[in-house]
Amino acid sequence: MSEPPRIIWSRPGNPTRQVATALGVTRAQLGAALHAIKKNARLRPNDDVRIYADGSVADASDEIIGNIYDEI
């Protein structure tokens, strides 16, 4: 059994530059990907999400709603 991916962002507000760096993307790419993922999941722009080290994005109920790399 493998370890679940590590959470790299789970705070309110916009992810920091360090999150983008950890994922190997620009902050602009991260922002655009998050907006697309939230829109597709019918979340509001200010709804909080969790970002995992593998690029997965989960909503407040821990359901995976998308992946940063799929949106770039």
PDB file of N, CA and C in Angstrom:
ATOM      1  N   MET A   1       0.843  -1.185   0.000  1.00  0.00           N
ATOM      2  CA  MET A   1       0.000   0.000   0.000  1.00  0.00           C
ATOM      3  C   MET A   1       0.889   1.249   0.000  1.00  0.00           C
ATOM      4  N   SER A   2       0.615   2.172  -0.888  1.00  0.00           N
ATOM      5  CA  SER A   2       1.460   3.361  -0.995  1.00  0.00           C
ATOM      6  C   SER A   2       0.922   4.495  -0.119  1.00  0.00           C
ATOM      7  N   GLU A   3       1.806   5.404   0.185  1.00  0.00           N
ATOM      8  CA  GLU A   3       1.457   6.580   0.981  1.00  0.00           C
ATOM      9  C   GLU A   3       0.605   7.530   0.148  1.00  0.00           C
ATOM     10  N   PRO A   4      -0.377   8.176   0.754  1.00  0.00           N
ATOM     11  CA  PRO A   4      -1.132   9.190   0.008  1.00  0.00           C
ATOM     12  C   PRO A   4      -0.232  10.391  -0.280  1.00  0.00           C
ATOM     13  N   PRO A   5      -0.532  11.133  -1.325  1.00  0.00           N
ATOM     14  CA  PRO A   5       0.288  12.320  -1.637  1.00  0.00           C
ATOM     15  C   PRO A   5       0.259  13.318  -0.473  1.00  0.00           C
ATOM     16  N   ARG A   6       1.346  14.033  -0.328  1.00  0.00           N
ATOM     17  CA  ARG A   6       1.494  15.039   0.727  1.00  0.00           C
ATOM     18  C   ARG A   6       0.719  16.306   0.360  1.00  0.00           C
ATOM     19  N   ILE A   7       0.012  16.874   1.338  1.00  0.00           N
ATOM     20  CA  ILE A   7      -0.690  18.147   1.136  1.00  0.00           C
ATOM     21  C   ILE A   7       0.342  19.271   1.144  1.00  0.00           C
ATOM     22  N   ILE A   8       0.320  20.097   0.099  1.00  0.00           N
ATOM     23  CA  ILE A   8       1.247  21.233   0.054  1.00  0.00           C
ATOM     24  C   ILE A   8       0.530  22.569   0.211  1.00  0.00           C
ATOM     25  N   TRP A   9      -0.797  22.560   0.184  1.00  0.00           N
ATOM     26  CA  TRP A   9      -1.556  23.796   0.436  1.00  0.00           C
ATOM     27  C   TRP A   9      -2.937  23.434   0.958  1.00  0.00           C
ATOM     28  N   SER A  10      -3.308  24.036   2.094  1.00  0.00           N
ATOM     29  CA  SER A  10      -4.647  23.794   2.635  1.00  0.00           C
ATOM     30  C   SER A  10      -5.151  24.991   3.438  1.00  0.00           C
ATOM     31  N   ARG A  11      -4.623  26.155   3.133  1.00  0.00           N
ATOM     32  CA  ARG A  11      -5.026  27.369   3.856  1.00  0.00           C
ATOM     33  C   ARG A  11      -5.966  28.217   3.003  1.00  0.00           C
ATOM     34  N   PRO A  12      -6.711  29.106   3.641  1.00  0.00           N
ATOM     35  CA  PRO A  12      -7.537  30.039   2.862  1.00  0.00           C
ATOM     36  C   PRO A  12      -6.659  30.966   2.024  1.00  0.00           C
ATOM     37  N   GLY A  13      -7.206  31.466   0.954  1.00  0.00           N
ATOM     38  CA  GLY A  13      -6.481  32.420   0.119  1.00  0.00           C
ATOM     39  C   GLY A  13      -5.748  31.755  -1.021  1.00  0.00           C
ATOM     40  N   ASN A  14      -5.000  32.552  -1.736  1.00  0.00           N
ATOM     41  CA  ASN A  14      -4.267  32.062  -2.903  1.00  0.00           C
ATOM     42  C   ASN A  14      -2.997  31.341  -2.493  1.00  0.00           C
ATOM     43  N   PRO A  15      -2.676  30.240  -3.179  1.00  0.00           N
ATOM     44  CA  PRO A  15      -1.429  29.525  -2.893  1.00  0.00           C
ATOM     45  C   PRO A  15      -0.215  30.415  -3.143  1.00  0.00           C
ATOM     46  N   THR A  16       0.823  30.169  -2.403  1.00  0.00           N
ATOM     47  CA  THR A  16       2.045  30.960  -2.494  1.00  0.00           C
ATOM     48  C   THR A  16       2.914  30.519  -3.675  1.00  0.00           C
ATOM     49  N   ARG A  17       3.924  31.300  -3.947  1.00  0.00           N
ATOM     50  CA  ARG A  17       4.887  30.980  -5.000  1.00  0.00           C
ATOM     51  C   ARG A  17       5.559  29.637  -4.726  1.00  0.00           C
ATOM     52  N   GLN A  18       5.751  29.295  -3.443  1.00  0.00           N
ATOM     53  CA  GLN A  18       6.388  28.027  -3.077  1.00  0.00           C
ATOM     54  C   GLN A  18       5.560  26.820  -3.545  1.00  0.00           C
ATOM     55  N   VAL A  19       4.241  26.966  -3.545  1.00  0.00           N
ATOM     56  CA  VAL A  19       3.378  25.879  -4.028  1.00  0.00           C
ATOM     57  C   VAL A  19       3.610  25.677  -5.520  1.00  0.00           C
ATOM     58  N   ALA A  20       3.639  26.755  -6.275  1.00  0.00           N
ATOM     59  CA  ALA A  20       3.902  26.665  -7.714  1.00  0.00           C
ATOM     60  C   ALA A  20       5.280  26.048  -7.963  1.00  0.00           C
ATOM     61  N   THR A  21       6.268  26.477  -7.222  1.00  0.00           N
ATOM     62  CA  THR A  21       7.620  25.944  -7.371  1.00  0.00           C
ATOM     63  C   THR A  21       7.650  24.453  -7.064  1.00  0.00           C
ATOM     64  N   ALA A  22       6.968  24.037  -5.996  1.00  0.00           N
ATOM     65  CA  ALA A  22       6.926  22.619  -5.629  1.00  0.00           C
ATOM     66  C   ALA A  22       6.304  21.767  -6.729  1.00  0.00           C
ATOM     67  N   LEU A  23       5.362  22.349  -7.468  1.00  0.00           N
ATOM     68  CA  LEU A  23       4.704  21.628  -8.558  1.00  0.00           C
ATOM     69  C   LEU A  23       5.439  21.780  -9.887  1.00  0.00           C
ATOM     70  N   GLY A  24       6.426  22.676  -9.934  1.00  0.00           N
ATOM     71  CA  GLY A  24       7.189  22.887 -11.164  1.00  0.00           C
ATOM     72  C   GLY A  24       6.434  23.672 -12.211  1.00  0.00           C
ATOM     73  N   VAL A  25       5.540  24.577 -11.763  1.00  0.00           N
ATOM     74  CA  VAL A  25       4.763  25.415 -12.676  1.00  0.00           C
ATOM     75  C   VAL A  25       4.923  26.871 -12.254  1.00  0.00           C
ATOM     76  N   THR A  26       4.498  27.784 -13.117  1.00  0.00           N
ATOM     77  CA  THR A  26       4.529  29.196 -12.739  1.00  0.00           C
ATOM     78  C   THR A  26       3.317  29.504 -11.863  1.00  0.00           C
ATOM     79  N   ARG A  27       3.387  30.588 -11.166  1.00  0.00           N
ATOM     80  CA  ARG A  27       2.245  30.991 -10.337  1.00  0.00           C
ATOM     81  C   ARG A  27       1.025  31.302 -11.208  1.00  0.00           C
ATOM     82  N   ALA A  28       1.256  31.866 -12.393  1.00  0.00           N
ATOM     83  CA  ALA A  28       0.153  32.151 -13.319  1.00  0.00           C
ATOM     84  C   ALA A  28      -0.500  30.856 -13.791  1.00  0.00           C
ATOM     85  N   GLN A  29       0.314  29.836 -14.119  1.00  0.00           N
ATOM     86  CA  GLN A  29      -0.232  28.544 -14.528  1.00  0.00           C
ATOM     87  C   GLN A  29      -1.043  27.914 -13.393  1.00  0.00           C
ATOM     88  N   LEU A  30      -0.519  27.999 -12.179  1.00  0.00           N
ATOM     89  CA  LEU A  30      -1.218  27.453 -11.021  1.00  0.00           C
ATOM     90  C   LEU A  30      -2.563  28.140 -10.833  1.00  0.00           C
ATOM     91  N   GLY A  31      -2.572  29.463 -10.904  1.00  0.00           N
ATOM     92  CA  GLY A  31      -3.804  30.216 -10.726  1.00  0.00           C
ATOM     93  C   GLY A  31      -4.845  29.887 -11.777  1.00  0.00           C
ATOM     94  N   ALA A  32      -4.405  29.820 -13.038  1.00  0.00           N
ATOM     95  CA  ALA A  32      -5.334  29.509 -14.129  1.00  0.00           C
ATOM     96  C   ALA A  32      -5.884  28.091 -13.986  1.00  0.00           C
ATOM     97  N   ALA A  33      -5.032  27.154 -13.615  1.00  0.00           N
ATOM     98  CA  ALA A  33      -5.471  25.767 -13.434  1.00  0.00           C
ATOM     99  C   ALA A  33      -6.473  25.661 -12.292  1.00  0.00           C
ATOM    100  N   LEU A  34      -6.201  26.344 -11.184  1.00  0.00           N
ATOM    101  CA  LEU A  34      -7.131  26.304 -10.051  1.00  0.00           C
ATOM    102  C   LEU A  34      -8.480  26.906 -10.412  1.00  0.00           C
ATOM    103  N   HIS A  35      -8.475  27.999 -11.142  1.00  0.00           N
ATOM    104  CA  HIS A  35      -9.742  28.614 -11.563  1.00  0.00           C
ATOM    105  C   HIS A  35     -10.543  27.655 -12.437  1.00  0.00           C
ATOM    106  N   ALA A  36      -9.864  26.978 -13.368  1.00  0.00           N
ATOM    107  CA  ALA A  36     -10.553  26.026 -14.241  1.00  0.00           C
ATOM    108  C   ALA A  36     -11.101  24.839 -13.443  1.00  0.00           C
ATOM    109  N   ILE A  37     -10.313  24.328 -12.526  1.00  0.00           N
ATOM    110  CA  ILE A  37     -10.742  23.189 -11.711  1.00  0.00           C
ATOM    111  C   ILE A  37     -11.943  23.577 -10.857  1.00  0.00           C
ATOM    112  N   LYS A  38     -11.877  24.731 -10.216  1.00  0.00           N
ATOM    113  CA  LYS A  38     -13.002  25.180  -9.380  1.00  0.00           C
ATOM    114  C   LYS A  38     -14.256  25.404 -10.216  1.00  0.00           C
ATOM    115  N   LYS A  39     -14.090  25.992 -11.385  1.00  0.00           N
ATOM    116  CA  LYS A  39     -15.245  26.230 -12.253  1.00  0.00           C
ATOM    117  C   LYS A  39     -15.889  24.911 -12.675  1.00  0.00           C
ATOM    118  N   ASN A  40     -15.065  23.940 -13.081  1.00  0.00           N
ATOM    119  CA  ASN A  40     -15.579  22.636 -13.502  1.00  0.00           C
ATOM    120  C   ASN A  40     -16.275  21.904 -12.359  1.00  0.00           C
ATOM    121  N   ALA A  41     -15.838  22.155 -11.121  1.00  0.00           N
ATOM    122  CA  ALA A  41     -16.434  21.506  -9.947  1.00  0.00           C
ATOM    123  C   ALA A  41     -17.595  22.328  -9.377  1.00  0.00           C
ATOM    124  N   ARG A  42     -17.926  23.425 -10.068  1.00  0.00           N
ATOM    125  CA  ARG A  42     -18.995  24.330  -9.637  1.00  0.00           C
ATOM    126  C   ARG A  42     -18.737  24.935  -8.255  1.00  0.00           C
ATOM    127  N   LEU A  43     -17.462  25.205  -7.996  1.00  0.00           N
ATOM    128  CA  LEU A  43     -17.087  25.920  -6.775  1.00  0.00           C
ATOM    129  C   LEU A  43     -16.941  27.395  -7.091  1.00  0.00           C
ATOM    130  N   ARG A  44     -17.067  28.216  -6.071  1.00  0.00           N
ATOM    131  CA  ARG A  44     -16.827  29.648  -6.239  1.00  0.00           C
ATOM    132  C   ARG A  44     -15.324  29.909  -6.212  1.00  0.00           C
ATOM    133  N   PRO A  45     -14.881  31.002  -6.803  1.00  0.00           N
ATOM    134  CA  PRO A  45     -13.446  31.308  -6.800  1.00  0.00           C
ATOM    135  C   PRO A  45     -12.843  31.392  -5.394  1.00  0.00           C
ATOM    136  N   ASN A  46     -13.632  31.819  -4.413  1.00  0.00           N
ATOM    137  CA  ASN A  46     -13.079  31.962  -3.065  1.00  0.00           C
ATOM    138  C   ASN A  46     -13.270  30.717  -2.197  1.00  0.00           C
ATOM    139  N   ASP A  47     -13.811  29.623  -2.751  1.00  0.00           N
ATOM    140  CA  ASP A  47     -13.919  28.375  -1.993  1.00  0.00           C
ATOM    141  C   ASP A  47     -12.528  27.786  -1.772  1.00  0.00           C
ATOM    142  N   ASP A  48     -12.289  27.283  -0.561  1.00  0.00           N
ATOM    143  CA  ASP A  48     -10.983  26.716  -0.216  1.00  0.00           C
ATOM    144  C   ASP A  48     -10.822  25.310  -0.787  1.00  0.00           C
ATOM    145  N   VAL A  49      -9.597  24.992  -1.173  1.00  0.00           N
ATOM    146  CA  VAL A  49      -9.256  23.666  -1.677  1.00  0.00           C
ATOM    147  C   VAL A  49      -7.930  23.226  -1.045  1.00  0.00           C
ATOM    148  N   ARG A  50      -7.651  21.942  -1.183  1.00  0.00           N
ATOM    149  CA  ARG A  50      -6.348  21.394  -0.795  1.00  0.00           C
ATOM    150  C   ARG A  50      -5.606  21.035  -2.069  1.00  0.00           C
ATOM    151  N   ILE A  51      -4.305  21.292  -2.070  1.00  0.00           N
ATOM    152  CA  ILE A  51      -3.464  20.931  -3.209  1.00  0.00           C
ATOM    153  C   ILE A  51      -2.436  19.922  -2.708  1.00  0.00           C
ATOM    154  N   TYR A  52      -2.310  18.833  -3.448  1.00  0.00           N
ATOM    155  CA  TYR A  52      -1.383  17.769  -3.085  1.00  0.00           C
ATOM    156  C   TYR A  52      -0.136  17.818  -3.959  1.00  0.00           C
ATOM    157  N   ALA A  53       0.939  17.207  -3.480  1.00  0.00           N
ATOM    158  CA  ALA A  53       2.228  17.244  -4.171  1.00  0.00           C
ATOM    159  C   ALA A  53       2.180  16.606  -5.555  1.00  0.00           C
ATOM    160  N   ASP A  54       1.192  15.743  -5.822  1.00  0.00           N
ATOM    161  CA  ASP A  54       1.074  15.137  -7.149  1.00  0.00           C
ATOM    162  C   ASP A  54       0.212  15.976  -8.094  1.00  0.00           C
ATOM    163  N   GLY A  55      -0.207  17.172  -7.632  1.00  0.00           N
ATOM    164  CA  GLY A  55      -1.018  18.075  -8.443  1.00  0.00           C
ATOM    165  C   GLY A  55      -2.510  17.915  -8.246  1.00  0.00           C
ATOM    166  N   SER A  56      -2.927  16.903  -7.487  1.00  0.00           N
ATOM    167  CA  SER A  56      -4.352  16.708  -7.217  1.00  0.00           C
ATOM    168  C   SER A  56      -4.908  17.865  -6.406  1.00  0.00           C
ATOM    169  N   VAL A  57      -6.176  18.179  -6.657  1.00  0.00           N
ATOM    170  CA  VAL A  57      -6.869  19.240  -5.937  1.00  0.00           C
ATOM    171  C   VAL A  57      -8.143  18.638  -5.348  1.00  0.00           C
ATOM    172  N   ALA A  58      -8.354  18.872  -4.044  1.00  0.00           N
ATOM    173  CA  ALA A  58      -9.535  18.345  -3.358  1.00  0.00           C
ATOM    174  C   ALA A  58     -10.368  19.490  -2.804  1.00  0.00           C
ATOM    175  N   ASP A  59     -11.673  19.271  -2.752  1.00  0.00           N
ATOM    176  CA  ASP A  59     -12.567  20.272  -2.169  1.00  0.00           C
ATOM    177  C   ASP A  59     -12.610  20.121  -0.654  1.00  0.00           C
ATOM    178  N   ALA A  60     -13.475  20.880  -0.002  1.00  0.00           N
ATOM    179  CA  ALA A  60     -13.557  20.886   1.458  1.00  0.00           C
ATOM    180  C   ALA A  60     -13.951  19.534   2.039  1.00  0.00           C
ATOM    181  N   SER A  61     -14.615  18.699   1.241  1.00  0.00           N
ATOM    182  CA  SER A  61     -15.010  17.372   1.729  1.00  0.00           C
ATOM    183  C   SER A  61     -13.983  16.302   1.357  1.00  0.00           C
ATOM    184  N   ASP A  62     -12.799  16.719   0.924  1.00  0.00           N
ATOM    185  CA  ASP A  62     -11.685  15.836   0.541  1.00  0.00           C
ATOM    186  C   ASP A  62     -11.935  15.018  -0.714  1.00  0.00           C
ATOM    187  N   GLU A  63     -12.895  15.441  -1.536  1.00  0.00           N
ATOM    188  CA  GLU A  63     -13.123  14.778  -2.817  1.00  0.00           C
ATOM    189  C   GLU A  63     -12.179  15.393  -3.850  1.00  0.00           C
ATOM    190  N   ILE A  64     -11.462  14.542  -4.574  1.00  0.00           N
ATOM    191  CA  ILE A  64     -10.559  15.038  -5.620  1.00  0.00           C
ATOM    192  C   ILE A  64     -11.416  15.591  -6.759  1.00  0.00           C
ATOM    193  N   ILE A  65     -11.167  16.852  -7.093  1.00  0.00           N
ATOM    194  CA  ILE A  65     -11.979  17.525  -8.119  1.00  0.00           C
ATOM    195  C   ILE A  65     -11.193  17.821  -9.390  1.00  0.00           C
ATOM    196  N   GLY A  66      -9.893  17.544  -9.385  1.00  0.00           N
ATOM    197  CA  GLY A  66      -9.088  17.797 -10.570  1.00  0.00           C
ATOM    198  C   GLY A  66      -7.609  17.679 -10.276  1.00  0.00           C
ATOM    199  N   ASN A  67      -6.810  17.960 -11.293  1.00  0.00           N
ATOM    200  CA  ASN A  67      -5.360  17.918 -11.150  1.00  0.00           C
ATOM    201  C   ASN A  67      -4.759  19.098 -11.913  1.00  0.00           C
ATOM    202  N   ILE A  68      -3.855  19.786 -11.245  1.00  0.00           N
ATOM    203  CA  ILE A  68      -3.205  20.965 -11.831  1.00  0.00           C
ATOM    204  C   ILE A  68      -2.590  20.615 -13.189  1.00  0.00           C
ATOM    205  N   TYR A  69      -1.910  19.477 -13.279  1.00  0.00           N
ATOM    206  CA  TYR A  69      -1.205  19.114 -14.511  1.00  0.00           C
ATOM    207  C   TYR A  69      -2.155  18.849 -15.672  1.00  0.00           C
ATOM    208  N   ASP A  70      -3.369  18.444 -15.396  1.00  0.00           N
ATOM    209  CA  ASP A  70      -4.343  18.227 -16.466  1.00  0.00           C
ATOM    210  C   ASP A  70      -4.841  19.531 -17.071  1.00  0.00           C
ATOM    211  N   GLU A  71      -4.650  20.637 -16.379  1.00  0.00           N
ATOM    212  CA  GLU A  71      -5.143  21.937 -16.827  1.00  0.00           C
ATOM    213  C   GLU A  71      -4.070  22.811 -17.466  1.00  0.00           C
ATOM    214  N   ILE A  72      -2.846  22.320 -17.508  1.00  0.00           N
ATOM    215  CA  ILE A  72      -1.730  23.117 -18.054  1.00  0.00           C
ATOM    216  C   ILE A  72      -1.429  22.671 -19.468  1.00  0.00           C
TER     217      ILE A  72
END
